[in-house]
Protein backbone atom coordinates (compact mmCIF):
# COMPACT_ATOMS: atom_id res chain seq x y z
CA MET A 1 -1.36 195.89 138.71
CA SER A 2 -4.38 194.35 137.10
CA SER A 3 -6.95 196.81 138.45
CA PRO A 4 -8.44 199.27 135.95
CA GLU A 5 -8.94 202.93 136.68
CA THR A 6 -12.23 203.46 138.51
CA VAL A 7 -12.31 207.07 139.58
CA ALA A 8 -15.95 208.09 139.63
CA ASP A 9 -16.84 210.92 137.30
CA SER A 10 -18.92 213.43 139.19
CA GLY A 11 -20.69 214.40 136.00
CA HIS A 12 -20.58 218.14 136.57
CA GLY A 13 -18.09 218.89 133.81
CA ARG A 14 -16.20 222.16 134.04
CA GLY A 15 -17.68 224.30 136.72
CA TYR A 16 -18.58 227.35 134.65
CA PRO A 17 -18.52 228.53 131.07
CA ALA A 18 -15.85 230.88 129.81
CA ALA A 19 -16.32 234.44 130.98
CA SER A 20 -16.49 235.62 127.40
CA GLY A 21 -19.68 233.62 126.88
CA ASP A 22 -23.28 234.73 127.26
CA ALA A 23 -23.80 236.63 130.52
CA SER A 24 -27.12 234.95 131.32
CA THR A 25 -25.46 231.54 131.00
CA TRP A 26 -22.86 232.69 133.49
CA LEU A 27 -25.52 233.53 136.03
CA LEU A 28 -27.47 230.33 135.54
CA LEU A 29 -24.50 227.99 135.89
CA VAL A 30 -22.73 229.78 138.70
CA GLY A 31 -25.58 228.78 141.03
CA LEU A 32 -24.75 226.66 144.06
CA CYS A 33 -24.89 222.95 143.17
CA CYS A 34 -24.26 221.06 146.40
CA PRO A 35 -27.25 219.03 147.62
CA ILE A 36 -27.29 217.80 151.18
CA SER A 37 -25.96 214.45 149.99
CA CYS A 38 -22.69 216.25 149.18
CA LEU A 39 -22.31 217.42 152.74
CA ILE A 40 -23.22 213.99 154.06
CA ALA A 41 -20.69 212.23 151.87
CA CYS A 42 -17.93 214.71 152.62
CA GLY A 43 -18.39 215.09 156.34
CA SER A 44 -20.32 212.29 157.96
CA ASP A 45 -20.43 211.48 161.63
CA PRO A 46 -18.10 208.50 162.13
CA GLU A 47 -20.45 207.21 164.83
CA GLN A 48 -23.47 207.27 162.53
CA PRO A 49 -23.73 205.41 159.22
CA ALA A 50 -23.75 207.92 156.37
CA ILE A 51 -26.15 207.50 153.49
CA GLU A 52 -24.20 205.79 150.74
CA GLU A 53 -24.38 207.51 147.39
CA PRO A 54 -24.26 205.29 144.27
CA GLN A 55 -20.84 205.17 142.65
CA ALA A 56 -20.68 206.22 139.00
CA ASP A 57 -18.15 203.61 137.92
CA ALA A 58 -18.17 200.41 139.95
CA GLY A 59 -14.75 198.87 139.46
CA VAL A 60 -12.79 195.80 140.37
CA ASP A 61 -11.55 197.29 143.63
CA ASP A 62 -15.12 196.87 144.89
CA ILE A 63 -15.05 193.14 144.12
CA SER A 64 -13.94 190.51 146.60
CA VAL A 65 -10.88 188.82 145.14
CA PRO A 66 -10.63 185.15 146.14
CA ASP A 67 -7.49 183.35 147.20
CA PHE A 68 -5.46 181.90 144.38
CA PRO A 69 -6.88 178.47 143.40
CA SER A 70 -4.89 175.44 144.40
CA GLY A 71 -5.12 171.65 144.27
CA ASP A 72 -4.24 168.92 141.81
CA GLU A 73 -7.55 169.24 140.02
CA VAL A 74 -7.02 172.94 139.24
CA ASP A 75 -5.26 174.21 136.13
CA ALA A 76 -3.74 177.23 137.86
CA ASP A 77 -2.65 179.00 134.67
CA ALA A 78 -6.10 178.65 133.13
CA ALA A 79 -7.76 179.75 136.39
CA TRP A 80 -5.57 182.86 136.60
CA LEU A 81 -6.25 183.85 132.99
CA GLU A 82 -9.98 183.28 133.42
CA ARG A 83 -9.96 185.51 136.48
CA GLN A 84 -8.18 188.27 134.54
CA CYS A 85 -10.78 188.02 131.78
CA GLU A 86 -13.56 188.25 134.37
CA LEU A 87 -11.96 191.41 135.74
CA LEU A 88 -11.61 192.83 132.24
CA CYS A 89 -15.30 192.27 131.54
CA LEU A 90 -16.21 193.93 134.82
CA ARG A 91 -13.97 196.84 133.88
CA GLU A 92 -15.65 197.24 130.50
CA GLU A 93 -19.05 197.15 132.15
CA GLY A 94 -17.92 199.76 134.69
CA CYS A 95 -16.68 201.98 131.88
CA GLY A 96 -20.05 201.84 130.18
CA GLU A 97 -18.78 199.62 127.40
CA SER A 98 -20.84 196.68 126.21
CA ALA A 99 -19.20 193.56 127.62
CA GLY A 100 -21.89 191.07 126.58
CA ALA A 101 -22.75 187.66 127.93
CA SER A 102 -19.89 185.99 126.06
CA CYS A 103 -17.29 188.54 127.19
CA VAL A 104 -15.20 186.17 129.29
CA GLN A 105 -15.06 183.47 126.62
CA ASP A 106 -14.32 186.07 123.93
CA CYS A 107 -11.44 187.30 126.08
CA LEU A 108 -10.04 183.81 126.56
CA ASP A 109 -10.33 183.13 122.84
CA GLY A 110 -8.65 186.43 122.03
CA ASP A 111 -6.01 188.08 124.25
CA GLY A 112 -6.47 185.69 127.16
CA ASP A 113 -3.07 184.09 126.64
CA ASP A 114 -1.32 187.43 125.94
CA VAL A 115 -0.63 188.56 129.50
CA ALA A 116 0.88 191.91 128.53
CA ALA A 117 -2.02 192.90 126.26
CA LEU A 118 -4.59 191.72 128.81
CA SER A 119 -2.89 193.67 131.60
CA CYS A 120 -2.74 196.76 129.39
CA ARG A 121 -6.47 196.62 128.69
CA LEU A 122 -7.20 196.11 132.38
CA SER A 123 -5.04 199.05 133.44
CA ALA A 124 -5.98 201.60 130.79
CA GLU A 125 -8.40 204.37 131.58
CA CYS A 126 -11.93 204.10 130.20
CA GLY A 127 -11.96 204.70 126.46
CA GLN A 128 -8.17 204.51 126.12
CA THR A 129 -7.54 200.84 125.34
CA ASP A 130 -6.59 201.41 121.68
CA ARG A 131 -2.94 201.75 122.66
CA CYS A 132 -3.05 198.15 123.88
CA ALA A 133 -3.49 196.88 120.32
CA ASP A 134 0.11 197.87 119.61
CA ALA A 135 3.11 195.74 120.51
CA ILE A 136 3.74 196.06 124.25
CA PRO A 137 7.32 197.22 124.91
CA ALA A 138 9.37 196.05 127.87
CA ASP A 139 9.58 198.51 130.74
CA ARG A 140 12.91 198.72 132.48
CA ASN A 141 11.33 199.00 135.95
CA CYS A 142 9.31 195.79 135.77
CA PRO A 143 12.03 193.15 136.34
CA ALA A 144 13.19 194.84 139.53
CA LEU A 145 9.63 195.19 140.81
CA CYS A 146 8.76 191.55 140.16
CA GLU A 147 12.03 190.46 141.76
CA LEU A 148 10.84 192.21 144.92
CA VAL A 149 7.57 190.28 144.71
CA SER A 150 9.53 187.06 144.40
CA ASP A 151 11.71 187.97 147.37
CA CYS A 152 8.49 188.46 149.35
CA ASP A 153 7.21 185.00 148.30
CA GLY A 154 4.41 186.72 146.39
CA PHE A 155 3.85 184.02 143.75
CA PRO A 156 1.42 182.63 142.78
CA SER A 157 -0.97 185.57 143.25
CA VAL A 158 -4.17 186.93 141.76
CA GLN A 159 -2.59 190.37 141.98
CA TRP A 160 0.96 189.64 140.81
CA GLY A 161 0.52 186.60 138.58
CA ARG A 162 1.60 182.97 138.58
CA SER A 163 5.34 183.56 138.39
CA GLU A 164 8.03 186.20 138.14
CA ILE A 165 8.03 185.88 134.34
CA GLN A 166 4.28 186.38 134.17
CA CYS A 167 4.58 189.29 136.60
CA VAL A 168 7.03 191.06 134.29
CA GLN A 169 4.72 190.55 131.32
CA ALA A 170 1.75 191.95 133.25
CA CYS A 171 3.84 194.85 134.53
CA ASN A 172 4.91 195.72 130.98
CA GLY A 173 1.26 195.89 129.91
CA TYR A 174 0.33 197.94 132.94
CA ALA A 175 3.17 200.42 132.34
CA HIS A 176 2.23 200.78 128.66
CA ALA A 177 -1.36 201.58 129.64
CA ARG A 178 -0.43 204.28 132.15
CA PRO A 179 2.54 206.19 130.67
CA ASP A 180 1.89 209.39 132.61
CA ARG A 181 1.71 207.73 136.02
CA LYS A 182 3.63 204.46 135.71
CA GLN A 183 6.88 205.69 137.29
CA GLU A 184 5.22 207.13 140.35
CA GLU A 185 2.99 204.11 140.88
CA ILE A 186 5.72 201.51 140.30
CA ASN A 187 7.93 203.37 142.78
CA CYS A 188 5.04 203.28 145.25
CA TYR A 189 4.68 199.52 144.78
CA GLY A 190 8.40 199.11 145.36
CA ARG A 191 8.29 201.07 148.62
CA LEU A 192 5.44 198.90 149.90
CA LEU A 193 7.28 195.69 149.06
CA GLN A 194 10.50 196.89 150.63
CA ASP A 195 8.52 197.91 153.71
CA SER A 196 7.71 194.53 155.29
CA CYS A 197 6.53 192.96 152.02
CA ARG A 198 3.14 194.71 152.05
CA LEU A 199 1.81 192.70 149.13
CA ASP A 200 -1.85 193.38 149.90
CA ASP A 201 -1.62 197.19 150.21
CA VAL A 202 -0.95 198.06 146.59
CA GLY A 203 -4.37 199.69 146.16
CA GLN A 204 -3.14 202.81 147.90
CA CYS A 205 -0.71 203.45 145.03
CA ARG A 206 -3.56 204.03 142.60
CA LEU A 207 -6.40 206.48 142.23
CA ASP A 208 -8.86 203.59 142.13
CA THR A 209 -8.81 203.03 145.88
CA GLY A 210 -12.57 202.95 146.38
CA PRO A 211 -15.33 205.37 147.37
CA ASP A 212 -13.90 206.05 150.84
CA ASP A 213 -10.67 207.61 149.57
CA ALA A 214 -11.61 211.29 149.49
CA CYS A 215 -8.16 212.34 148.32
CA ALA A 216 -8.33 210.04 145.31
CA GLN A 217 -11.71 211.53 144.44
CA ILE A 218 -10.45 215.10 144.86
CA CYS A 219 -7.24 214.63 142.89
CA GLY A 220 -8.94 212.47 140.29
CA ARG A 221 -11.48 215.20 139.65
CA LEU A 222 -8.81 217.89 139.39
CA THR A 223 -6.79 215.71 137.02
CA GLN A 224 -9.46 214.26 134.77
CA GLU A 225 -12.52 216.49 134.92
CA CYS A 226 -10.97 219.88 135.54
CA ARG A 227 -7.67 219.34 133.70
CA ALA A 228 -6.14 221.36 136.53
CA ILE A 229 -3.07 219.14 137.04
CA PRO A 230 -0.46 220.16 136.10
CA GLY A 231 -1.38 223.63 137.26
CA GLU A 232 -0.49 226.36 139.69
CA THR A 233 -1.97 224.55 142.69
CA PHE A 234 -0.51 221.08 142.03
CA LEU A 235 2.13 220.28 139.44
CA THR A 236 1.61 216.53 139.56
CA LEU A 237 -1.02 214.04 140.59
CA GLY A 238 1.36 212.67 143.22
CA GLU A 239 1.83 216.13 144.68
CA CYS A 240 -1.94 216.47 145.03
CA LEU A 241 -2.34 213.05 146.64
CA ASP A 242 0.60 213.56 148.98
CA GLY A 243 -0.61 217.00 150.02
CA CYS A 244 -4.16 215.81 150.61
CA ARG A 245 -3.20 212.63 152.46
CA ALA A 246 -0.95 214.61 154.79
CA LEU A 247 -4.05 216.43 156.10
CA ASP A 248 -5.91 215.34 159.20
CA ASP A 249 -9.56 214.32 158.82
CA PRO A 250 -11.08 217.76 159.56
CA ALA A 251 -8.82 219.52 157.05
CA GLU A 252 -9.56 216.86 154.45
CA ARG A 253 -13.29 217.44 154.92
CA VAL A 254 -12.78 221.19 154.55
CA LEU A 255 -10.88 220.66 151.30
CA ASN A 256 -13.39 218.18 149.91
CA ASN A 257 -16.39 220.41 150.61
CA CYS A 258 -14.65 223.51 149.30
CA ILE A 259 -13.78 221.87 145.97
CA SER A 260 -17.29 220.41 145.69
CA VAL A 261 -18.77 223.90 145.87
CA ALA A 262 -16.00 225.89 144.18
CA GLY A 263 -15.97 223.74 141.06
CA CYS A 264 -13.18 223.50 138.53
CA ASP A 265 -12.70 227.20 137.90
CA ARG A 266 -12.42 228.27 141.54
CA HIS A 267 -10.60 225.26 143.02
CA PRO A 268 -7.31 227.17 143.66
CA ARG A 269 -8.97 229.08 146.51
CA CYS A 270 -9.44 225.77 148.36
CA TRP A 271 -5.73 225.08 148.91
CA PRO A 272 -4.51 225.06 151.58
CA PRO A 273 -7.75 224.28 153.44
CA ALA A 274 -8.79 226.86 156.01
CA SER A 275 -7.90 225.95 159.59
CA THR A 276 -10.34 228.27 161.40
CA THR A 277 -14.11 227.85 161.39
CA PRO A 278 -15.84 231.16 160.55
CA ASP A 279 -18.19 232.53 163.19
CA GLY A 280 -21.21 232.28 160.93
CA CYS A 281 -20.87 228.51 160.72
CA GLY A 282 -22.16 228.10 164.27
CA PRO A 283 -25.64 229.44 163.55
CA PHE A 284 -25.75 227.69 160.16
CA CYS A 285 -24.92 224.29 161.64
CA ASP A 286 -27.21 224.71 164.64
CA SER A 287 -30.19 225.22 162.35
CA LEU A 288 -29.12 222.62 159.79
CA LEU A 289 -28.60 219.89 162.38
CA ALA A 290 -31.92 220.70 164.03
CA LYS A 291 -33.79 220.65 160.71
CA CYS A 292 -31.99 217.59 159.28
CA PRO A 293 -31.14 215.33 162.27
CA GLY A 294 -30.94 212.23 160.09
CA ALA A 295 -28.29 213.61 157.78
CA GLY A 296 -25.43 211.74 159.48
CA LEU A 297 -23.69 214.92 160.66
CA ASN A 298 -22.51 216.16 164.01
CA ASP A 299 -21.24 219.52 165.27
CA ALA A 300 -17.65 218.87 164.20
CA THR A 301 -18.28 217.48 160.72
CA CYS A 302 -20.86 220.15 159.93
CA ALA A 303 -18.40 222.82 161.02
CA ASP A 304 -15.77 221.35 158.69
CA ALA A 305 -18.24 221.30 155.81
CA CYS A 306 -19.32 224.88 156.46
CA THR A 307 -15.69 225.99 156.62
CA GLY A 308 -15.17 224.49 153.17
CA PHE A 309 -18.29 226.23 151.87
CA HIS A 310 -17.05 229.54 153.28
CA GLN A 311 -13.67 229.12 151.63
CA ALA A 312 -15.39 228.56 148.29
CA LEU A 313 -18.09 231.20 148.86
CA PRO A 314 -16.59 233.84 151.17
CA GLY A 315 -19.55 236.18 150.69
CA GLY A 316 -22.15 233.68 151.91
CA ALA A 317 -24.74 234.71 154.46
CA TYR A 318 -23.90 231.99 156.98
CA ALA A 319 -24.83 233.90 160.13
CA GLU A 320 -28.13 235.01 158.54
CA SER A 321 -29.07 231.55 157.24
CA PRO A 322 -31.03 230.18 160.26
CA ALA A 323 -34.20 232.16 159.48
CA CYS A 324 -34.23 230.66 155.99
CA ILE A 325 -33.47 227.13 157.19
CA ASP A 326 -36.01 227.30 160.00
CA ALA A 327 -38.73 228.29 157.52
CA PHE A 328 -38.72 224.78 156.03
CA ASP A 329 -41.30 222.45 157.60
CA THR A 330 -39.02 219.44 157.11
CA CYS A 331 -35.51 218.79 155.83
CA PRO A 332 -35.75 219.57 152.10
CA GLU A 333 -34.41 217.38 149.34
CA GLY A 334 -31.81 218.55 146.85
CA ASP A 335 -29.94 221.81 147.22
CA ALA A 336 -32.80 224.03 148.44
CA ILE A 337 -31.39 224.38 151.94
CA PHE A 338 -28.05 225.60 150.62
CA ALA A 339 -29.70 228.56 148.90
CA CYS A 340 -30.10 229.83 152.45
CA ILE A 341 -26.42 230.80 152.56
CA LEU A 342 -26.73 232.96 149.43
CA PRO A 343 -26.92 236.62 150.46
CA GLU A 344 -29.57 239.08 149.38
CA TYR A 345 -28.24 241.91 147.22
CA ASP A 346 -30.28 244.84 145.94
CA GLY A 347 -28.01 245.16 142.92
CA CYS A 348 -29.33 241.83 141.58
CA THR A 349 -32.44 243.70 140.48
CA ASP A 350 -30.28 245.94 138.30
CA ILE A 351 -28.17 243.08 136.92
CA CYS A 352 -31.17 240.91 136.08
CA GLY A 353 -33.00 243.92 134.66
CA ALA A 354 -30.10 244.61 132.30
CA LEU A 355 -30.08 240.97 131.16
CA GLU A 356 -33.85 240.93 130.64
CA ALA A 357 -33.68 244.14 128.61
CA CYS A 358 -31.19 242.42 126.33
CA GLY A 359 -33.52 239.48 125.76
CA ALA A 360 -32.10 236.98 128.25
CA ASP A 361 -34.20 234.43 130.10
CA VAL A 362 -34.03 235.66 133.70
CA THR A 363 -36.17 232.94 135.30
CA GLN A 364 -33.29 231.85 137.55
CA CYS A 365 -31.35 235.08 137.45
CA ASP A 366 -31.93 236.03 141.09
CA ILE A 367 -30.36 232.88 142.56
CA GLY A 368 -27.58 233.01 139.98
CA CYS A 369 -26.84 236.60 140.90
CA ARG A 370 -26.85 235.82 144.63
CA SER A 371 -24.41 233.00 143.92
CA LEU A 372 -22.11 235.53 142.28
CA VAL A 373 -22.37 237.70 145.38
CA ALA A 374 -21.40 234.74 147.55
CA ALA A 375 -18.49 233.77 145.31
CA TYR A 376 -17.18 237.24 144.42
CA PRO A 377 -18.26 239.70 147.13
CA GLN A 378 -15.39 242.05 146.34
CA ASP A 379 -16.29 242.29 142.64
CA ILE A 380 -20.08 242.37 142.59
CA GLU A 381 -20.43 246.15 142.73
CA THR A 382 -18.16 246.47 139.71
CA VAL A 383 -20.24 243.87 137.88
CA ARG A 384 -23.43 245.71 138.77
CA ASP A 385 -22.14 249.10 137.62
CA CYS A 386 -20.89 247.60 134.37
CA ALA A 387 -24.16 245.78 133.67
CA VAL A 388 -26.22 248.92 134.18
CA ASP A 389 -24.12 250.98 131.77
CA ALA A 390 -23.17 248.38 129.14
CA ALA A 391 -24.79 248.01 125.75
CA CYS A 392 -26.19 244.54 125.07
CA ALA A 393 -23.28 243.60 122.83
CA GLN A 394 -20.82 244.35 125.64
CA LEU A 395 -22.86 242.98 128.55
CA GLY A 396 -20.96 239.69 128.65
CA THR A 397 -17.67 241.52 129.29
CA CYS A 398 -18.99 242.62 132.69
CA PHE A 399 -18.52 239.07 133.94
CA GLN A 400 -15.01 238.56 132.64
CA GLY A 401 -12.40 237.92 135.27
CA LEU A 402 -14.76 236.03 137.61
CA GLU A 403 -12.88 232.79 137.11
CA ASN A 404 -11.10 231.98 140.38
């Protein structure tokens, strides 16, 4: 219960601006933003080591937790509190807050002996520790949970505390820090303890389960970055996690890649993940794997990635992409190779011409327009006709409705 939230923020923000905004901004930001590292991370060959991307928020789940100290010479209570303060300082550092060299001592001199307050600060999301300054109320679920820990001989423990009393105090702080998710997570802890006393598996009850948990990353992004939960696709975070974790590995890769490309505004089209690989993915992957053999992909994982791309961008030119990919001398960096799946469309000349005539910067208009074609193939003709006929003041309305 002492682990802070460590879901990495992808940094993309909402996928696209509101449709009522400037039309040229729409075209610039709708462009495909999925460098080859995205495909590697989301669909790597299990027999080849994937290139590890740096994690945005390194958290305590990435830290090796030692066994609880023992021996006559050890003050166990002091050792446990010091460890919690060390974790708190690591959490603050991971959240981008200034912990400082004296952080651990400052913690011990401050809330170090207030287990509930310390647990609250450890469990709160980044930037949301102010609530922990208030009095920590008792949570009715905590005594029963800590009784289960006791029944499993779980004390003393770095995770659960020195005793059942201390466990309840820590649980109260944890519950106060996570009011929206406490019930679901405490119930999850209870199920693990009732199921063969799985004291060491509690990480799976939280979003902060490390960089290898794709479902935690997907659902964390939908919840925090996109504000899409609750929503039409998933009503609760638990529903998202349960639905994602019920998928087999290929379907999970399809979902992950689709959401990576679709962004916040188009994520509903990614669920449920497509189960059939489109025909065009064969030529795309043949050329990609030949051009980028060190990317950590194989035929199966590339096919899953391409299926996700196709679900997000159904109008992509996958079958036509090999000529574009093969034109590169070597595997390119960044997202250049993924522009190869953006189709050519003569109407982009008209759309970009209309924007330029209205004073817009059209430097990147062509690739933005082709991205629109890939994302909204059924609507692009309507957009083109509207752009040609619209006055400058109404030009932005031509892109309204392109939101999912």
